[in-house]
Amino acid sequence: MKKLILDNKTGFRSIMPFSIVDPNGIEFYNSDFTHHIKDGQPLQFNVMAGSFQYDGNFIKLDRPVPVKSVALPLKERNITIKRYDIQFGSNPNKCTIFYDRGIILFDNSFISKPLYVKYVIYFHELGHHWYITESKADLFAAKKLLEIGFNPSQIQMGMLTSLSDKSIERKMNIVNTLTNNEG
């Protein structure tokens, strides 16, 4: 595996299969997240700032791949946002934000999950500063993830992985919101 260290969100292009893993060796992104390369089409994608390793081939672009932004609805509330301590522990709700204590508690089952799953949940919880409605917090998460360099397919996979089977409408909303984007 080769090292990939990025100071900023960066765009790439590939026509060959590839895989990218985070520093813990957990899948971050790969060419199988979309059908572009399998269908003989080039794939353009972004990678967020950070340290990664990869196999395969891709070329670095001069700038990040543009993505269609997610429109957010009017805010339903306004809780002051602050810096939260991320903790892992026993949590039957998958993840909970404790506003007063400044803690976001992930269930231990998420320790070894991919970054795109953790960030989907993290930004969803932050979205509750402005939205009571779960699907609106999902949209907030999708918008923030695109801004920092996650790809629509990663966000979709993160939502599909983290939401329960009872959340079909929320899953479809995110898939439909992100469908027209590359990567």
Protein backbone atom coordinates (compact mmCIF):
# COMPACT_ATOMS: atom_id res chain seq x y z
CA MET A 1 0.00 0.00 0.00
CA LYS A 2 1.10 3.54 -0.77
CA LYS A 3 0.71 6.55 1.53
CA LEU A 4 -1.72 9.35 0.77
CA ILE A 5 -1.45 12.40 3.02
CA LEU A 6 -3.73 15.33 2.25
CA ASP A 7 -3.81 18.78 3.87
CA ASN A 8 -7.09 19.70 2.19
CA LYS A 9 -10.08 18.14 0.50
CA THR A 10 -8.65 16.93 -2.82
CA GLY A 11 -10.15 15.74 -6.09
CA PHE A 12 -8.99 12.65 -7.96
CA ARG A 13 -9.82 10.83 -11.19
CA SER A 14 -9.46 7.16 -12.04
CA ILE A 15 -10.30 4.66 -14.72
CA MET A 16 -8.76 1.76 -12.79
CA PRO A 17 -9.90 -0.06 -9.63
CA PHE A 18 -8.53 1.31 -6.36
CA SER A 19 -9.08 1.16 -2.62
CA ILE A 20 -8.29 3.69 0.10
CA VAL A 21 -8.08 2.83 3.81
CA ASP A 22 -7.81 4.99 6.91
CA PRO A 23 -4.84 4.82 9.33
CA ASN A 24 -6.50 1.88 11.12
CA GLY A 25 -6.74 -0.12 7.89
CA ILE A 26 -10.53 0.35 7.71
CA GLU A 27 -12.07 0.95 4.30
CA PHE A 28 -12.46 4.64 3.52
CA TYR A 29 -13.37 4.65 -0.18
CA ASN A 30 -12.93 2.43 -3.22
CA SER A 31 -13.88 2.21 -6.86
CA ASP A 32 -16.64 -0.31 -6.07
CA PHE A 33 -18.67 2.38 -4.26
CA THR A 34 -20.04 3.34 -7.70
CA HIS A 35 -20.44 1.54 -11.04
CA HIS A 36 -18.41 4.08 -13.03
CA ILE A 37 -15.23 2.04 -13.47
CA LYS A 38 -17.08 -1.27 -13.89
CA ASP A 39 -19.11 0.42 -16.65
CA GLY A 40 -15.94 1.70 -18.35
CA GLN A 41 -16.46 5.32 -17.27
CA PRO A 42 -13.92 7.49 -15.46
CA LEU A 43 -14.65 8.19 -11.81
CA GLN A 44 -14.01 11.57 -10.25
CA PHE A 45 -14.06 11.68 -6.47
CA ASN A 46 -12.90 13.63 -3.44
CA VAL A 47 -10.89 12.59 -0.43
CA MET A 48 -11.02 14.66 2.75
CA ALA A 49 -7.93 16.00 4.48
CA GLY A 50 -6.14 13.28 6.41
CA SER A 51 -3.71 10.39 6.28
CA PHE A 52 -4.63 7.33 4.24
CA GLN A 53 -3.12 4.39 2.39
CA TYR A 54 -4.18 3.09 -1.01
CA ASP A 55 -3.84 0.40 -3.61
CA GLY A 56 -4.50 1.00 -7.28
CA ASN A 57 -4.12 4.03 -9.49
CA PHE A 58 -5.70 7.46 -9.65
CA ILE A 59 -4.52 10.94 -10.54
CA LYS A 60 -4.74 14.03 -8.40
CA LEU A 61 -6.81 16.88 -9.86
CA ASP A 62 -6.03 20.58 -9.55
CA ARG A 63 -9.09 21.10 -7.37
CA PRO A 64 -11.79 19.16 -5.58
CA VAL A 65 -14.55 17.64 -7.68
CA PRO A 66 -17.54 20.00 -7.56
CA VAL A 67 -20.64 18.56 -5.95
CA LYS A 68 -24.22 19.74 -5.89
CA SER A 69 -24.85 21.19 -2.45
CA VAL A 70 -27.69 20.01 -0.25
CA ALA A 71 -30.38 22.62 0.38
CA LEU A 72 -31.32 22.85 4.03
CA PRO A 73 -34.82 23.62 5.27
CA LEU A 74 -35.58 26.43 7.71
CA LYS A 75 -34.19 25.81 11.18
CA GLU A 76 -36.58 24.35 13.72
CA ARG A 77 -34.54 25.45 16.73
CA ASN A 78 -31.20 27.00 17.65
CA ILE A 79 -29.08 25.30 20.30
CA THR A 80 -25.66 26.87 20.70
CA ILE A 81 -23.05 24.63 19.13
CA LYS A 82 -19.83 23.93 20.98
CA ARG A 83 -16.89 21.59 20.81
CA TYR A 84 -17.87 18.08 21.89
CA ASP A 85 -15.76 15.34 23.38
CA ILE A 86 -16.29 12.16 21.34
CA GLN A 87 -16.58 9.07 23.50
CA PHE A 88 -17.38 5.41 22.93
CA GLY A 89 -19.36 3.37 25.44
CA SER A 90 -22.54 1.41 25.91
CA ASN A 91 -25.35 3.27 24.10
CA PRO A 92 -28.56 1.50 22.97
CA ASN A 93 -29.38 4.55 20.78
CA LYS A 94 -26.23 4.12 18.62
CA CYS A 95 -25.22 7.71 19.34
CA THR A 96 -26.42 10.45 21.69
CA ILE A 97 -25.45 14.08 22.06
CA PHE A 98 -25.33 15.38 25.63
CA TYR A 99 -25.54 19.14 25.13
CA ASP A 100 -24.98 20.13 28.77
CA ARG A 101 -22.01 17.81 29.32
CA GLY A 102 -20.41 18.52 25.91
CA ILE A 103 -20.22 14.82 24.98
CA ILE A 104 -21.22 12.81 21.94
CA LEU A 105 -21.44 9.17 23.00
CA PHE A 106 -21.15 6.55 20.26
CA ASP A 107 -21.99 2.96 21.05
CA ASN A 108 -18.90 0.72 21.24
CA SER A 109 -20.13 -1.11 18.13
CA PHE A 110 -19.02 1.91 16.06
CA ILE A 111 -15.34 1.86 17.05
CA SER A 112 -14.34 -0.25 14.05
CA LYS A 113 -16.85 1.23 11.57
CA PRO A 114 -15.60 3.21 8.55
CA LEU A 115 -15.07 6.95 8.92
CA TYR A 116 -17.97 7.68 6.58
CA VAL A 117 -20.34 5.91 8.99
CA LYS A 118 -18.95 7.70 12.06
CA TYR A 119 -19.07 11.10 10.35
CA VAL A 120 -22.63 10.54 9.09
CA ILE A 121 -23.74 9.91 12.66
CA TYR A 122 -21.57 12.71 14.12
CA PHE A 123 -22.92 15.37 11.77
CA HIS A 124 -26.46 14.02 12.15
CA GLU A 125 -26.15 14.59 15.91
CA LEU A 126 -24.80 18.11 15.32
CA GLY A 127 -27.73 18.72 13.00
CA HIS A 128 -30.01 18.39 15.99
CA HIS A 129 -28.75 21.81 17.12
CA TRP A 130 -31.05 23.19 14.42
CA TYR A 131 -33.46 20.37 13.57
CA ILE A 132 -35.76 18.27 15.69
CA THR A 133 -36.84 16.22 12.66
CA GLU A 134 -34.58 13.22 11.99
CA SER A 135 -34.70 13.55 8.18
CA LYS A 136 -33.69 17.21 8.40
CA ALA A 137 -30.72 16.32 10.63
CA ASP A 138 -29.82 13.76 7.91
CA LEU A 139 -29.79 16.55 5.30
CA PHE A 140 -27.58 18.68 7.54
CA ALA A 141 -25.16 15.75 7.85
CA ALA A 142 -25.08 15.18 4.08
CA LYS A 143 -24.34 18.86 3.43
CA LYS A 144 -21.47 18.96 5.95
CA LEU A 145 -19.99 15.69 4.68
CA LEU A 146 -19.93 16.94 1.10
CA GLU A 147 -18.26 20.15 2.26
CA ILE A 148 -15.37 18.38 4.00
CA GLY A 149 -14.73 15.96 1.14
CA PHE A 150 -16.83 12.85 1.45
CA ASN A 151 -18.42 11.53 -1.72
CA PRO A 152 -22.15 11.06 -2.25
CA SER A 153 -21.72 7.28 -2.43
CA GLN A 154 -19.92 7.28 0.94
CA ILE A 155 -22.68 9.36 2.51
CA GLN A 156 -25.36 7.11 1.06
CA MET A 157 -23.55 4.00 2.32
CA GLY A 158 -23.07 5.61 5.72
CA MET A 159 -26.78 6.41 5.98
CA LEU A 160 -27.87 3.01 4.69
CA THR A 161 -25.51 1.27 7.13
CA SER A 162 -26.39 3.32 10.20
CA LEU A 163 -30.15 3.71 9.83
CA SER A 164 -32.46 0.91 10.89
CA ASP A 165 -34.69 -0.99 8.47
CA LYS A 166 -37.60 1.03 9.88
CA SER A 167 -36.09 4.18 8.32
CA ILE A 168 -36.78 3.40 4.64
CA GLU A 169 -38.18 6.89 3.97
CA ARG A 170 -35.09 8.56 5.44
CA LYS A 171 -32.80 6.26 3.45
CA MET A 172 -34.64 7.03 0.21
CA ASN A 173 -34.56 10.77 0.94
CA ILE A 174 -30.76 10.78 1.19
CA VAL A 175 -30.29 8.56 -1.85
CA ASN A 176 -32.57 10.83 -3.91
CA THR A 177 -30.89 13.99 -2.59
CA LEU A 178 -27.40 12.81 -3.57
CA THR A 179 -28.11 10.84 -6.76
CA ASN A 180 -27.09 13.56 -9.24
CA ASN A 181 -23.59 13.93 -7.79
CA GLU A 182 -20.39 12.23 -8.95
CA GLY A 183 -18.42 9.79 -6.78
